[in-house]
């Protein structure tokens, strides 16, 4: 079984400045790390490999420094890593990103199962995993909290839905997005650390993965950031309600609400 895990490099700090002209994050001054939810995706893939065999490949799109998250994945015992890198990918929104990753997976590392973290902390859209499934025509299950089993070319999972959980089975190949509650990610071993230091990912560009240039980067992004700003905090007006006891205070509040026609 070939398992591909899509991971992302995100700012390591919550205090990230925005470029006032490009309306993008100034990432180089914030430090970078692997998206936390993607660690759970990696752990899920490694557990599947331990139980059912196969190969785990991590893939990411980004600048050359994004190779660091692939090295961390290798330190966790992932078998291989692929970096999709090129100036032509810059400015991609979630649609262009999912197209790019799906093109790379199709061309470089065809998968029986693709696992993504539920969300990325720098975007919080939860759209890339579903987008990949659409581009590749694969079944999709989101919000997975437990992988029950894999048999007869099907994966059986439990996913969180409003008001409870749901057991689902879908045929492979498939895409799943996992919630952080699914597991506790392992840390790199000493052996993994040494392998991480020596590892160099395979780097591919748009030509290597046969991309349609109109569907990547800014050209393939139908959404854009019109304005970025920090909301102004305004001092709220307030009135102190006084009274001899709780009942008197409650009556004053009720009278105020009736007079203000906030309740009828």
Protein backbone atom coordinates (compact mmCIF):
# COMPACT_ATOMS: atom_id res chain seq x y z
CA UNK A 1 0.00 0.00 0.00
CA UNK A 2 1.28 3.43 -0.96
CA UNK A 3 0.29 6.10 1.56
CA UNK A 4 0.89 9.79 0.85
CA UNK A 5 0.68 12.38 3.61
CA UNK A 6 0.26 16.03 2.66
CA UNK A 7 2.01 18.32 5.13
CA UNK A 8 2.61 22.06 5.34
CA UNK A 9 5.18 24.42 6.80
CA UNK A 10 3.48 27.14 8.88
CA UNK A 11 4.68 30.09 11.00
CA UNK A 12 6.00 28.98 14.38
CA UNK A 13 4.67 32.09 16.11
CA UNK A 14 1.14 33.40 16.59
CA UNK A 15 2.52 36.95 16.30
CA UNK A 16 2.98 37.16 12.54
CA UNK A 17 3.11 40.44 10.62
CA UNK A 18 1.35 40.97 7.31
CA UNK A 19 2.78 42.49 4.16
CA UNK A 20 0.61 45.62 3.65
CA UNK A 21 1.05 45.52 -0.14
CA UNK A 22 0.92 41.81 -1.00
CA UNK A 23 -1.52 40.97 1.82
CA UNK A 24 0.49 37.85 2.68
CA UNK A 25 2.16 36.59 5.84
CA UNK A 26 5.75 37.72 6.41
CA UNK A 27 6.96 34.21 7.14
CA UNK A 28 10.73 34.65 7.14
CA UNK A 29 10.72 36.59 10.42
CA UNK A 30 8.28 34.35 12.25
CA UNK A 31 10.19 31.08 12.14
CA UNK A 32 8.56 27.96 10.76
CA UNK A 33 7.39 24.54 11.85
CA UNK A 34 5.21 21.70 10.65
CA UNK A 35 1.48 22.27 10.84
CA UNK A 36 0.39 20.62 14.12
CA UNK A 37 -2.54 18.70 12.63
CA UNK A 38 -0.25 17.23 9.98
CA UNK A 39 1.74 15.48 12.71
CA UNK A 40 -1.38 13.45 13.46
CA UNK A 41 -1.75 12.65 9.76
CA UNK A 42 1.84 11.39 9.69
CA UNK A 43 1.29 9.28 12.80
CA UNK A 44 -1.87 7.78 11.27
CA UNK A 45 0.05 6.79 8.14
CA UNK A 46 2.88 5.24 10.14
CA UNK A 47 0.46 3.21 12.23
CA UNK A 48 -1.23 1.92 9.06
CA UNK A 49 2.16 0.92 7.67
CA UNK A 50 2.98 -0.92 10.89
CA UNK A 51 -0.32 -2.83 10.78
CA UNK A 52 -0.71 -3.45 7.06
CA UNK A 53 2.68 -2.81 5.46
CA UNK A 54 3.41 -0.44 2.62
CA UNK A 55 5.31 2.79 2.04
CA UNK A 56 4.70 6.27 3.47
CA UNK A 57 5.65 9.36 1.46
CA UNK A 58 5.32 12.91 2.76
CA UNK A 59 4.72 15.71 0.27
CA UNK A 60 4.64 19.48 0.67
CA UNK A 61 4.47 22.55 -1.53
CA UNK A 62 6.54 25.58 -0.66
CA UNK A 63 9.93 27.30 -0.92
CA UNK A 64 13.17 25.41 -0.43
CA UNK A 65 13.10 25.91 3.33
CA UNK A 66 9.90 23.82 3.43
CA UNK A 67 12.21 20.82 3.09
CA UNK A 68 12.63 21.12 6.86
CA UNK A 69 9.16 19.69 7.49
CA UNK A 70 9.93 16.77 5.19
CA UNK A 71 13.08 16.09 7.17
CA UNK A 72 11.06 16.05 10.38
CA UNK A 73 8.69 13.56 8.77
CA UNK A 74 11.63 11.36 7.83
CA UNK A 75 12.84 11.62 11.44
CA UNK A 76 9.48 10.11 12.41
CA UNK A 77 10.35 7.17 10.06
CA UNK A 78 8.48 8.26 6.93
CA UNK A 79 10.05 6.47 3.94
CA UNK A 80 10.40 9.36 1.50
CA UNK A 81 9.68 13.06 0.99
CA UNK A 82 8.81 15.19 -2.02
CA UNK A 83 9.05 18.98 -2.23
CA UNK A 84 6.95 20.74 -4.87
CA UNK A 85 8.85 23.97 -5.34
CA UNK A 86 8.97 26.81 -7.84
CA UNK A 87 8.18 30.50 -8.19
CA UNK A 88 5.28 29.56 -10.44
CA UNK A 89 3.43 28.16 -7.40
CA UNK A 90 3.62 31.41 -5.39
CA UNK A 91 0.39 33.02 -4.28
CA UNK A 92 -1.68 29.86 -4.56
CA UNK A 93 -5.01 29.72 -2.77
CA UNK A 94 -6.55 26.45 -1.60
CA UNK A 95 -7.89 25.55 -5.06
CA UNK A 96 -4.52 26.05 -6.76
CA UNK A 97 -2.72 24.29 -3.89
CA UNK A 98 -4.95 21.23 -4.06
CA UNK A 99 -4.52 21.08 -7.84
CA UNK A 100 -0.75 21.30 -7.54
CA UNK A 101 -0.50 18.62 -4.87
CA UNK A 102 -2.89 16.31 -6.72
CA UNK A 103 -0.84 16.72 -9.92
CA UNK A 104 2.36 15.88 -8.04
CA UNK A 105 0.82 12.84 -6.37
CA UNK A 106 -0.57 11.57 -9.66
CA UNK A 107 2.76 12.01 -11.47
CA UNK A 108 5.39 11.23 -8.83
CA UNK A 109 3.83 9.10 -6.09
CA UNK A 110 0.52 7.46 -7.01
CA UNK A 111 -1.32 6.64 -3.81
CA UNK A 112 -3.76 4.09 -2.46
CA UNK A 113 -4.48 6.37 0.47
CA UNK A 114 -3.89 10.10 0.94
CA UNK A 115 -3.99 11.51 4.46
CA UNK A 116 -4.20 15.21 5.31
CA UNK A 117 -4.47 17.10 8.56
CA UNK A 118 -7.96 18.50 9.09
CA UNK A 119 -6.82 22.14 9.00
CA UNK A 120 -3.72 24.30 8.74
CA UNK A 121 -3.26 26.82 11.54
CA UNK A 122 -2.28 29.64 9.16
CA UNK A 123 -5.39 29.34 7.00
CA UNK A 124 -7.97 27.30 8.88
CA UNK A 125 -9.96 26.56 5.70
CA UNK A 126 -10.00 22.72 5.75
CA UNK A 127 -10.27 22.84 1.93
CA UNK A 128 -7.06 21.30 0.58
CA UNK A 129 -7.84 17.67 1.46
CA UNK A 130 -11.31 17.78 -0.12
CA UNK A 131 -9.83 19.61 -3.10
CA UNK A 132 -7.27 16.86 -3.69
CA UNK A 133 -9.99 14.22 -3.59
CA UNK A 134 -11.98 16.14 -6.20
CA UNK A 135 -9.03 16.63 -8.57
CA UNK A 136 -8.08 12.94 -8.32
CA UNK A 137 -11.64 11.60 -8.33
CA UNK A 138 -11.13 9.75 -5.04
CA UNK A 139 -13.54 9.02 -2.21
CA UNK A 140 -13.31 11.45 0.73
CA UNK A 141 -13.89 11.19 4.47
CA UNK A 142 -13.27 14.23 6.69
CA UNK A 143 -12.91 14.69 10.46
CA UNK A 144 -11.62 11.16 10.99
CA UNK A 145 -11.02 10.39 14.68
CA UNK A 146 -10.21 6.68 14.40
CA UNK A 147 -9.06 4.27 11.71
CA UNK A 148 -10.86 1.01 12.43
CA UNK A 149 -9.39 -1.32 9.82
CA UNK A 150 -8.41 -1.78 6.18
CA UNK A 151 -9.60 -4.86 4.32
CA UNK A 152 -11.00 -5.89 0.94
CA UNK A 153 -9.60 -2.70 -0.60
CA UNK A 154 -11.71 -0.60 1.77
CA UNK A 155 -10.87 1.61 4.71
CA UNK A 156 -13.21 1.70 7.70
CA UNK A 157 -13.06 4.84 9.82
CA UNK A 158 -14.92 6.70 12.55
CA UNK A 159 -15.51 10.37 11.94
CA UNK A 160 -16.88 13.15 14.09
CA UNK A 161 -20.19 14.62 12.97
CA UNK A 162 -22.53 17.10 14.63
CA UNK A 163 -24.06 15.43 17.64
CA UNK A 164 -21.93 12.28 17.63
CA UNK A 165 -19.72 9.95 15.62
CA UNK A 166 -20.27 8.01 12.42
CA UNK A 167 -18.74 4.77 11.12
CA UNK A 168 -17.89 4.99 7.42
CA UNK A 169 -16.28 2.68 4.88
CA UNK A 170 -15.00 3.81 1.48
CA UNK A 171 -13.20 2.05 -1.31
CA UNK A 172 -9.52 2.69 -1.93
CA UNK A 173 -7.98 4.80 -3.32
CA UNK A 174 -9.32 7.46 -0.99
CA UNK A 175 -8.51 10.71 0.79
CA UNK A 176 -9.07 11.19 4.51
CA UNK A 177 -8.53 14.22 6.72
CA UNK A 178 -7.78 13.52 10.37
CA UNK A 179 -8.61 15.39 13.54
CA UNK A 180 -5.94 15.96 16.18
CA UNK A 181 -7.83 13.69 18.59
CA UNK A 182 -7.02 10.64 16.47
CA UNK A 183 -3.63 9.89 18.09
CA UNK A 184 -0.52 11.18 19.82
CA UNK A 185 2.30 11.76 17.30
CA UNK A 186 5.57 10.00 18.00
CA UNK A 187 8.81 11.90 18.47
CA UNK A 188 11.90 11.27 16.42
CA UNK A 189 14.24 8.55 17.65
CA UNK A 190 18.01 8.97 17.76
CA UNK A 191 18.25 6.89 14.59
CA UNK A 192 15.55 9.04 13.03
CA UNK A 193 17.47 12.19 13.93
CA UNK A 194 20.54 10.97 12.08
CA UNK A 195 18.46 10.01 9.06
CA UNK A 196 16.79 13.42 9.20
CA UNK A 197 20.17 15.18 9.04
CA UNK A 198 21.22 13.21 5.98
CA UNK A 199 17.94 13.30 4.09
CA UNK A 200 17.44 15.38 0.96
CA UNK A 201 13.94 15.37 -0.53
CA UNK A 202 13.13 14.97 -4.18
CA UNK A 203 12.36 18.43 -5.59
CA UNK A 204 9.89 18.79 -8.48
CA UNK A 205 8.55 21.81 -10.37
CA UNK A 206 5.54 22.50 -12.58
CA UNK A 207 7.17 20.94 -15.63
CA UNK A 208 8.07 17.78 -13.75
CA UNK A 209 4.47 17.17 -12.70
CA UNK A 210 2.82 18.24 -15.97
CA UNK A 211 0.85 21.12 -14.41
CA UNK A 212 -1.55 23.29 -16.33
CA UNK A 213 0.04 26.69 -15.71
CA UNK A 214 -3.36 28.38 -15.69
CA UNK A 215 -4.34 26.36 -12.60
CA UNK A 216 -1.38 27.03 -10.32
CA UNK A 217 -0.11 29.97 -8.30
CA UNK A 218 -1.87 33.30 -8.69
CA UNK A 219 -3.13 32.36 -12.17
CA UNK A 220 -5.07 29.43 -10.76
CA UNK A 221 -6.38 31.19 -7.68
CA UNK A 222 -9.92 32.54 -8.01
CA UNK A 223 -9.77 33.95 -4.49
CA UNK A 224 -7.48 36.70 -3.24
CA UNK A 225 -7.01 38.81 -0.12
CA UNK A 226 -8.52 42.24 -0.68
CA UNK A 227 -7.47 43.77 2.62
CA UNK A 228 -5.63 42.78 5.78
CA UNK A 229 -6.12 44.68 9.01
CA UNK A 230 -6.15 44.29 12.77
CA UNK A 231 -9.63 44.97 14.19
CA UNK A 232 -9.76 48.06 16.35
CA UNK A 233 -10.79 47.50 19.94
CA UNK A 234 -13.40 50.01 21.00
CA UNK A 235 -14.21 50.77 24.59
CA UNK A 236 -17.71 49.49 25.26
CA UNK A 237 -20.20 51.64 27.14
CA UNK A 238 -21.54 50.13 30.31
CA UNK A 239 -23.83 50.86 33.20
CA UNK A 240 -23.40 49.57 36.72
CA UNK A 241 -26.55 48.00 38.17
CA UNK A 242 -26.77 48.44 41.92
CA UNK A 243 -29.26 47.06 44.40
CA UNK A 244 -29.74 45.75 47.91
CA UNK A 245 -29.93 42.12 46.76
CA UNK A 246 -29.90 39.88 43.69
CA UNK A 247 -33.66 40.14 43.23
CA UNK A 248 -33.62 43.93 43.11
CA UNK A 249 -30.73 43.90 40.64
CA UNK A 250 -32.52 41.37 38.45
CA UNK A 251 -35.65 43.52 38.42
CA UNK A 252 -33.65 46.57 37.34
CA UNK A 253 -32.08 44.59 34.52
CA UNK A 254 -35.50 43.34 33.41
CA UNK A 255 -36.91 46.86 33.47
CA UNK A 256 -34.01 48.13 31.39
CA UNK A 257 -34.50 45.39 28.79
CA UNK A 258 -38.23 46.12 28.53
CA UNK A 259 -37.65 49.85 28.22
CA UNK A 260 -35.00 49.28 25.55
CA UNK A 261 -37.41 46.91 23.74
CA UNK A 262 -34.71 44.24 23.80
CA UNK A 263 -37.34 41.83 25.13
CA UNK A 264 -41.10 41.87 24.78
